[in-house]
Protein backbone atom coordinates (compact mmCIF):
# COMPACT_ATOMS: atom_id res chain seq x y z
CA MET A 1 -10.04 -29.81 8.49
CA PRO A 2 -6.54 -31.05 7.53
CA TRP A 3 -3.52 -28.82 8.08
CA ARG A 4 -0.83 -27.67 5.71
CA TYR A 5 2.52 -26.61 7.11
CA ILE A 6 4.72 -24.03 5.39
CA GLN A 7 8.28 -23.58 6.60
CA VAL A 8 9.80 -20.35 5.32
CA ASP A 9 13.52 -20.11 4.64
CA THR A 10 13.88 -16.42 3.78
CA THR A 11 14.31 -13.81 6.51
CA ASP A 12 13.09 -10.92 4.33
CA PRO A 13 10.31 -9.26 6.39
CA ALA A 14 8.50 -7.70 3.44
CA PHE A 15 8.36 -11.09 1.68
CA ASN A 16 7.22 -12.90 4.81
CA LEU A 17 4.31 -10.55 5.48
CA ALA A 18 3.34 -10.76 1.82
CA LEU A 19 3.46 -14.56 2.14
CA GLU A 20 1.03 -14.47 5.06
CA GLU A 21 -1.46 -12.35 3.12
CA TYR A 22 -1.09 -14.48 0.00
CA VAL A 23 -1.77 -17.72 1.88
CA PHE A 24 -4.71 -16.11 3.67
CA GLU A 25 -6.30 -14.76 0.51
CA ASN A 26 -5.37 -17.22 -2.21
CA LEU A 27 -4.51 -20.75 -1.14
CA SER A 28 -7.19 -23.43 -0.95
CA LYS A 29 -9.77 -22.92 1.80
CA ASP A 30 -10.05 -26.71 2.09
CA TYR A 31 -7.05 -26.60 4.43
CA ASP A 32 -5.97 -24.82 7.56
CA TYR A 33 -2.41 -23.47 7.47
CA PHE A 34 0.44 -23.18 9.94
CA ILE A 35 3.57 -21.20 9.10
CA LEU A 36 6.87 -20.83 10.96
CA TRP A 37 9.12 -17.97 9.86
CA GLN A 38 11.85 -15.59 10.93
CA ASN A 39 12.79 -12.03 10.08
CA ALA A 40 16.17 -10.34 10.08
CA SER A 41 16.26 -7.29 12.40
CA THR A 42 12.84 -5.69 11.95
CA VAL A 43 10.20 -3.65 13.72
CA VAL A 44 6.70 -4.80 12.75
CA VAL A 45 4.02 -2.20 13.49
CA GLY A 46 0.30 -2.82 13.81
CA ARG A 47 -2.15 -1.91 11.08
CA HIS A 48 -3.53 1.15 12.88
CA GLN A 49 -0.32 2.47 14.39
CA ASN A 50 1.72 5.55 13.68
CA THR A 51 5.15 4.24 12.68
CA PHE A 52 6.81 7.53 13.54
CA ASN A 53 5.50 7.19 17.09
CA GLU A 54 6.64 3.59 17.59
CA VAL A 55 10.34 3.56 16.72
CA ASP A 56 13.55 5.39 17.45
CA GLU A 57 14.00 6.41 13.84
CA ALA A 58 17.66 7.41 14.20
CA PHE A 59 18.53 4.15 15.97
CA ILE A 60 16.86 1.91 13.40
CA ARG A 61 18.50 3.85 10.56
CA GLU A 62 21.95 3.57 12.11
CA ASN A 63 21.49 -0.15 12.81
CA ASN A 64 19.89 -1.12 9.47
CA ILE A 65 16.66 -2.28 11.10
CA THR A 66 13.77 -2.73 8.67
CA VAL A 67 10.26 -1.43 9.41
CA VAL A 68 7.16 -3.14 8.02
CA ARG A 69 3.43 -2.77 8.69
CA ARG A 70 1.26 -5.87 9.08
CA LEU A 71 -2.44 -6.36 8.30
CA SER A 72 -3.47 -7.05 11.89
CA GLY A 73 -3.95 -4.54 14.68
CA GLY A 74 -2.14 -4.46 18.00
CA GLY A 75 1.24 -3.08 18.98
CA ALA A 76 4.72 -2.89 17.52
CA VAL A 77 7.13 -5.80 18.04
CA TYR A 78 10.80 -6.39 17.33
CA HIS A 79 12.00 -9.40 15.33
CA ASP A 80 15.50 -10.76 14.81
CA LEU A 81 17.04 -14.16 14.15
CA GLY A 82 16.70 -15.09 17.82
CA ASN A 83 12.92 -14.81 17.42
CA LEU A 84 10.58 -17.39 15.87
CA ASN A 85 7.22 -16.31 14.43
CA PHE A 86 4.17 -18.50 13.93
CA THR A 87 0.97 -18.05 11.94
CA PHE A 88 -2.33 -19.96 12.06
CA ILE A 89 -4.79 -19.46 9.20
CA GLN A 90 -8.21 -21.13 9.32
CA ASP A 91 -11.96 -20.58 9.12
CA THR A 92 -13.61 -18.90 12.10
CA ALA A 93 -16.64 -21.24 11.85
CA GLY A 94 -18.88 -18.29 12.67
CA LYS A 95 -17.25 -17.72 16.07
CA GLU A 96 -16.10 -14.40 17.47
CA PRO A 97 -12.34 -13.80 17.18
CA ASP A 98 -10.54 -15.30 20.19
CA LEU A 99 -6.80 -14.70 20.53
CA ALA A 100 -6.54 -17.02 23.52
CA LEU A 101 -7.88 -19.90 21.42
CA PHE A 102 -4.61 -19.92 19.48
CA CYS A 103 -2.38 -18.89 22.38
CA ARG A 104 -3.41 -21.81 24.60
CA PRO A 105 -2.03 -24.66 22.44
CA VAL A 106 1.24 -22.73 21.95
CA ALA A 107 1.55 -22.26 25.71
CA GLN A 108 0.76 -25.93 26.28
CA ALA A 109 3.39 -26.99 23.74
CA ILE A 110 6.02 -24.80 25.41
CA ARG A 111 5.14 -26.20 28.83
CA ALA A 112 5.82 -29.64 27.40
CA LEU A 113 9.29 -28.39 26.45
CA GLY A 114 10.06 -27.32 30.02
CA ALA A 115 9.04 -23.67 30.43
CA GLN A 116 5.98 -22.80 32.54
CA ALA A 117 4.17 -20.75 29.91
CA GLU A 118 0.81 -19.13 30.62
CA VAL A 119 -1.70 -17.18 28.56
CA ASN A 120 -1.89 -13.80 30.24
CA GLY A 121 -4.56 -11.28 29.40
CA ARG A 122 -5.89 -10.88 25.87
CA ASN A 123 -2.94 -11.62 23.63
CA ASP A 124 0.26 -12.38 25.55
CA ILE A 125 1.99 -15.59 26.54
CA THR A 126 4.22 -15.20 29.59
CA VAL A 127 6.56 -17.09 31.87
CA ASN A 128 7.19 -15.93 35.43
CA GLY A 129 5.08 -12.89 34.65
CA MET A 130 7.31 -11.79 31.76
CA LYS A 131 6.18 -11.71 28.15
CA PHE A 132 7.86 -13.82 25.47
CA SER A 133 5.02 -13.91 22.94
CA GLY A 134 2.80 -11.14 21.61
CA ASN A 135 -0.13 -12.08 19.36
CA ALA A 136 -2.50 -10.40 16.92
CA GLN A 137 -5.27 -11.35 14.50
CA TYR A 138 -6.70 -10.30 11.16
CA VAL A 139 -10.23 -11.47 10.32
CA LYS A 140 -11.93 -11.24 6.94
CA ASN A 141 -14.80 -13.08 5.25
CA GLY A 142 -15.03 -15.83 7.86
CA ARG A 143 -11.30 -16.51 7.87
CA VAL A 144 -8.78 -15.65 10.58
CA MET A 145 -5.03 -15.11 10.46
CA HIS A 146 -3.49 -15.35 13.92
CA HIS A 147 0.20 -14.64 14.28
CA GLY A 148 2.58 -14.34 17.18
CA THR A 149 6.19 -13.92 18.20
CA LEU A 150 8.29 -16.32 20.27
CA LEU A 151 11.35 -14.74 21.87
CA PHE A 152 13.88 -17.56 22.00
CA ASP A 153 17.27 -15.83 22.09
CA SER A 154 16.49 -12.34 20.81
CA GLN A 155 18.59 -9.21 21.41
CA LEU A 156 16.35 -7.69 24.03
CA GLU A 157 18.53 -4.61 24.47
CA VAL A 158 18.19 -3.83 20.76
CA ALA A 159 14.42 -4.32 20.96
CA ALA A 160 14.28 -1.85 23.86
CA ARG A 161 16.19 0.78 21.87
CA ALA A 162 14.39 0.26 18.57
CA LEU A 163 10.95 0.54 20.18
CA ARG A 164 11.74 3.66 22.20
CA PRO A 165 10.65 6.78 20.29
CA ASP A 166 11.56 10.24 21.52
CA PRO A 167 8.35 11.52 23.22
CA GLU A 168 9.44 15.11 22.60
CA LYS A 169 9.80 14.55 18.87
CA ILE A 170 6.46 12.99 17.87
CA ARG A 171 3.01 14.26 18.80
CA ALA A 172 0.80 11.64 17.27
CA LYS A 173 -2.59 10.06 17.07
CA GLY A 174 -2.99 6.33 16.58
CA VAL A 175 -2.88 3.17 18.67
CA ALA A 176 0.24 3.23 20.84
CA SER A 177 1.95 0.02 21.91
CA VAL A 178 1.74 -1.15 25.50
CA ARG A 179 5.29 -1.88 26.66
CA SER A 180 5.76 -5.03 28.73
CA ARG A 181 8.68 -6.66 30.51
CA ILE A 182 9.98 -9.29 28.12
CA THR A 183 12.18 -12.36 28.39
CA ASN A 184 13.79 -15.02 26.22
CA LEU A 185 12.85 -18.69 26.44
CA LYS A 186 16.27 -20.21 25.83
CA PRO A 187 17.53 -19.91 29.44
CA LEU A 188 14.34 -21.68 30.61
CA LEU A 189 14.68 -24.70 28.33
CA PRO A 190 17.04 -27.69 28.62
CA THR A 191 20.70 -26.72 28.25
CA GLY A 192 21.90 -26.88 24.66
CA THR A 193 18.48 -26.36 23.06
CA THR A 194 18.94 -24.57 19.73
CA LEU A 195 16.35 -22.54 17.91
CA GLU A 196 16.10 -25.34 15.34
CA ASP A 197 15.51 -27.86 18.16
CA PHE A 198 12.88 -25.53 19.58
CA ARG A 199 11.13 -25.12 16.22
CA ASP A 200 10.98 -28.87 15.56
CA ALA A 201 9.80 -29.70 19.09
CA LEU A 202 7.14 -26.99 18.95
CA LEU A 203 5.83 -28.27 15.63
CA LYS A 204 5.68 -31.83 16.95
CA ALA A 205 3.94 -30.82 20.19
CA LEU A 206 1.34 -28.76 18.36
CA PHE A 207 0.42 -31.25 15.64
CA GLU A 208 1.31 -34.76 16.79
CA ASN A 209 -2.39 -35.68 16.86
CA GLU A 210 -3.37 -33.73 13.75
CA GLN A 211 -3.48 -34.60 10.06
CA MET A 212 -0.85 -32.37 8.47
CA GLU A 213 1.09 -32.20 5.21
CA ARG A 214 3.95 -29.96 4.18
CA TYR A 215 3.21 -27.49 1.43
CA ALA A 216 5.96 -26.28 -0.89
CA LEU A 217 5.35 -22.91 -2.51
CA THR A 218 5.15 -23.16 -6.30
CA ASP A 219 6.81 -20.83 -8.77
CA SER A 220 3.40 -19.25 -9.33
CA ASP A 221 2.98 -18.74 -5.58
CA LEU A 222 6.41 -17.14 -5.29
CA ALA A 223 5.76 -14.79 -8.21
CA ALA A 224 2.49 -13.60 -6.66
CA ILE A 225 4.08 -13.16 -3.23
CA ASN A 226 6.93 -11.11 -4.68
CA ALA A 227 4.45 -8.95 -6.60
CA LEU A 228 2.56 -8.27 -3.36
CA LYS A 229 5.83 -7.49 -1.61
CA GLU A 230 6.74 -4.95 -4.28
CA SER A 231 3.31 -3.30 -4.31
CA ARG A 232 2.72 -3.16 -0.54
CA TYR A 233 5.07 -4.53 2.10
CA GLY A 234 8.24 -3.28 0.48
CA THR A 235 6.97 0.27 0.07
CA TRP A 236 7.48 3.36 2.20
CA ALA A 237 3.89 4.38 1.46
CA TRP A 238 2.53 1.34 3.34
CA ASN A 239 5.10 1.00 6.11
CA TRP A 240 5.40 4.70 6.98
CA GLY A 241 2.99 6.69 4.84
CA ALA A 242 -0.09 4.81 6.06
CA SER A 243 0.45 6.26 9.55
CA PRO A 244 -2.20 8.57 11.06
CA ALA A 245 -1.46 12.29 10.88
CA CYS A 246 1.06 13.57 13.42
CA ASP A 247 3.28 16.49 14.31
CA MET A 248 7.05 16.01 14.27
CA VAL A 249 9.33 18.32 16.23
CA PHE A 250 13.10 18.60 15.75
CA SER A 251 15.12 20.87 18.01
CA GLY A 252 18.75 21.72 18.48
CA ARG A 253 21.09 24.52 19.52
CA ILE A 254 23.77 25.70 17.10
CA GLU A 255 26.69 27.72 18.46
CA GLY A 256 26.56 31.23 17.02
CA CYS A 257 23.03 30.77 15.71
CA GLY A 258 20.82 29.80 18.67
CA GLN A 259 18.00 27.36 19.32
CA LEU A 260 16.08 26.10 16.30
CA SER A 261 12.86 24.07 16.49
CA PHE A 262 11.17 22.76 13.37
CA GLN A 263 7.59 21.53 13.65
CA PHE A 264 6.22 19.55 10.71
CA ARG A 265 2.64 18.45 10.19
CA VAL A 266 2.81 15.01 8.58
CA GLU A 267 -0.16 13.44 6.77
CA LYS A 268 0.11 10.15 4.88
CA GLY A 269 3.85 10.37 5.43
CA PHE A 270 4.28 13.78 3.72
CA ILE A 271 4.90 17.18 5.28
CA THR A 272 1.81 19.35 4.77
CA ASP A 273 2.77 22.29 6.97
CA ALA A 274 6.01 23.52 8.55
CA THR A 275 6.98 26.04 11.21
CA LEU A 276 10.38 27.22 12.46
CA TYR A 277 10.68 28.86 15.85
CA GLY A 278 13.37 29.51 18.49
CA ASP A 279 15.81 32.16 19.68
CA PHE A 280 18.02 31.89 16.59
CA PHE A 281 19.57 34.78 14.68
CA SER A 282 18.67 35.04 11.01
CA SER A 283 20.36 37.10 8.34
CA GLY A 284 17.56 36.50 5.90
CA ASP A 285 13.87 35.57 5.75
CA PRO A 286 13.62 31.92 6.92
CA GLN A 287 10.26 31.32 5.25
CA PRO A 288 11.65 30.08 1.91
CA LEU A 289 13.59 27.45 3.84
CA VAL A 290 10.54 26.49 5.91
CA LYS A 291 8.32 26.23 2.84
CA SER A 292 10.88 24.06 1.02
CA PHE A 293 9.91 21.17 3.33
CA ILE A 294 6.21 21.24 2.45
CA GLY A 295 5.33 18.37 0.13
CA SER A 296 8.42 16.37 1.04
CA PRO A 297 8.25 12.85 2.49
CA ALA A 298 9.14 12.79 6.19
CA THR A 299 12.26 10.72 5.55
CA PRO A 300 15.98 11.46 5.85
CA GLU A 301 16.24 11.77 2.08
CA GLY A 302 13.18 14.01 1.99
CA PHE A 303 14.71 16.30 4.63
CA ARG A 304 18.02 16.35 2.77
CA GLN A 305 16.49 17.27 -0.58
CA ALA A 306 14.35 20.01 0.98
CA ALA A 307 17.29 21.55 2.85
CA GLU A 308 19.38 21.58 -0.29
CA LYS A 309 16.77 23.66 -2.14
CA CYS A 310 17.81 26.77 -0.19
CA ASP A 311 21.04 28.54 0.68
CA VAL A 312 20.94 27.71 4.38
CA SER A 313 24.12 29.63 5.15
CA SER A 314 22.71 32.93 3.85
CA ILE A 315 19.52 32.52 5.89
CA LEU A 316 20.68 31.05 9.19
CA GLY A 317 24.44 31.34 8.95
CA LEU A 318 25.02 27.61 9.28
CA THR A 319 25.85 24.77 6.93
CA THR A 320 23.30 22.42 5.43
CA LYS A 321 25.03 19.60 7.32
CA ALA A 322 24.50 21.37 10.65
CA LEU A 323 20.82 21.77 9.84
CA LEU A 324 20.49 18.11 8.85
CA ASP A 325 22.22 17.06 12.04
CA ILE A 326 19.20 18.51 13.87
CA LEU A 327 16.66 16.85 11.59
CA LEU A 328 18.34 13.44 11.51
CA LYS A 329 19.41 13.00 15.12
């Protein structure tokens, strides 16, 4: 079957994931598709994961890192402009899903560029035993979408921080990511290789013997992709609220008040139960404050609005800001 190639110029993660789904679901099945794309600083979580359990929420908030949920399973990955993403979309021809089937030609293409890439295990591509590509698949109605990351010159230290949740804060169910040692490809390729050079050489190595045409998205395509972005990938309900139920714990010691620990039960991204415990002193019944959180989204703004419903100073003898410092740290 002939190939169509789509090169994406935007780095908006919500748009790019909507684009993948749109191509998978709506473009002609008479073609296979290959897409190369990049995201600005983003954590992409797997379909079945608990977002709260995958990221350092305070770190990503402070560093303006976006979080999006993809259709496929697997673990969370970090994207930035030093990372190149690829997507294959084609019929499965009645075969069982095989991640290695798509990983092998990518590894072979990268070996041709000078790095000794190997397919390692079920869904990783490695060099010298270190991972530079994680892969995942979504299969539906005899069609497969296989996508993967390629760490070229990514900020690995940022990835390590963004994907490091506080184990004391989140008690969650869901599929947790397996953390691997990761590396960039740039130091392993010929000196002076840019990401653009890498992209063009990869495309040539993968498809030099294939029939392929470039496909330009139409205005109608773009309108549908943006609508899907607005209804799914750009929403808190999908990216955070679709997480499995979990317990969130926030603790801190306030001078003159004592130790406070809030435990929230979170279901579909909203607080359904709340408990406050610790060795704190209280000048009033804390239950109105505790109950003010029930029904709120488990977001910084949700915490802020709930805390502002009560006179925190008359109950705990501390300012609303001091309370929020515990909940938002």
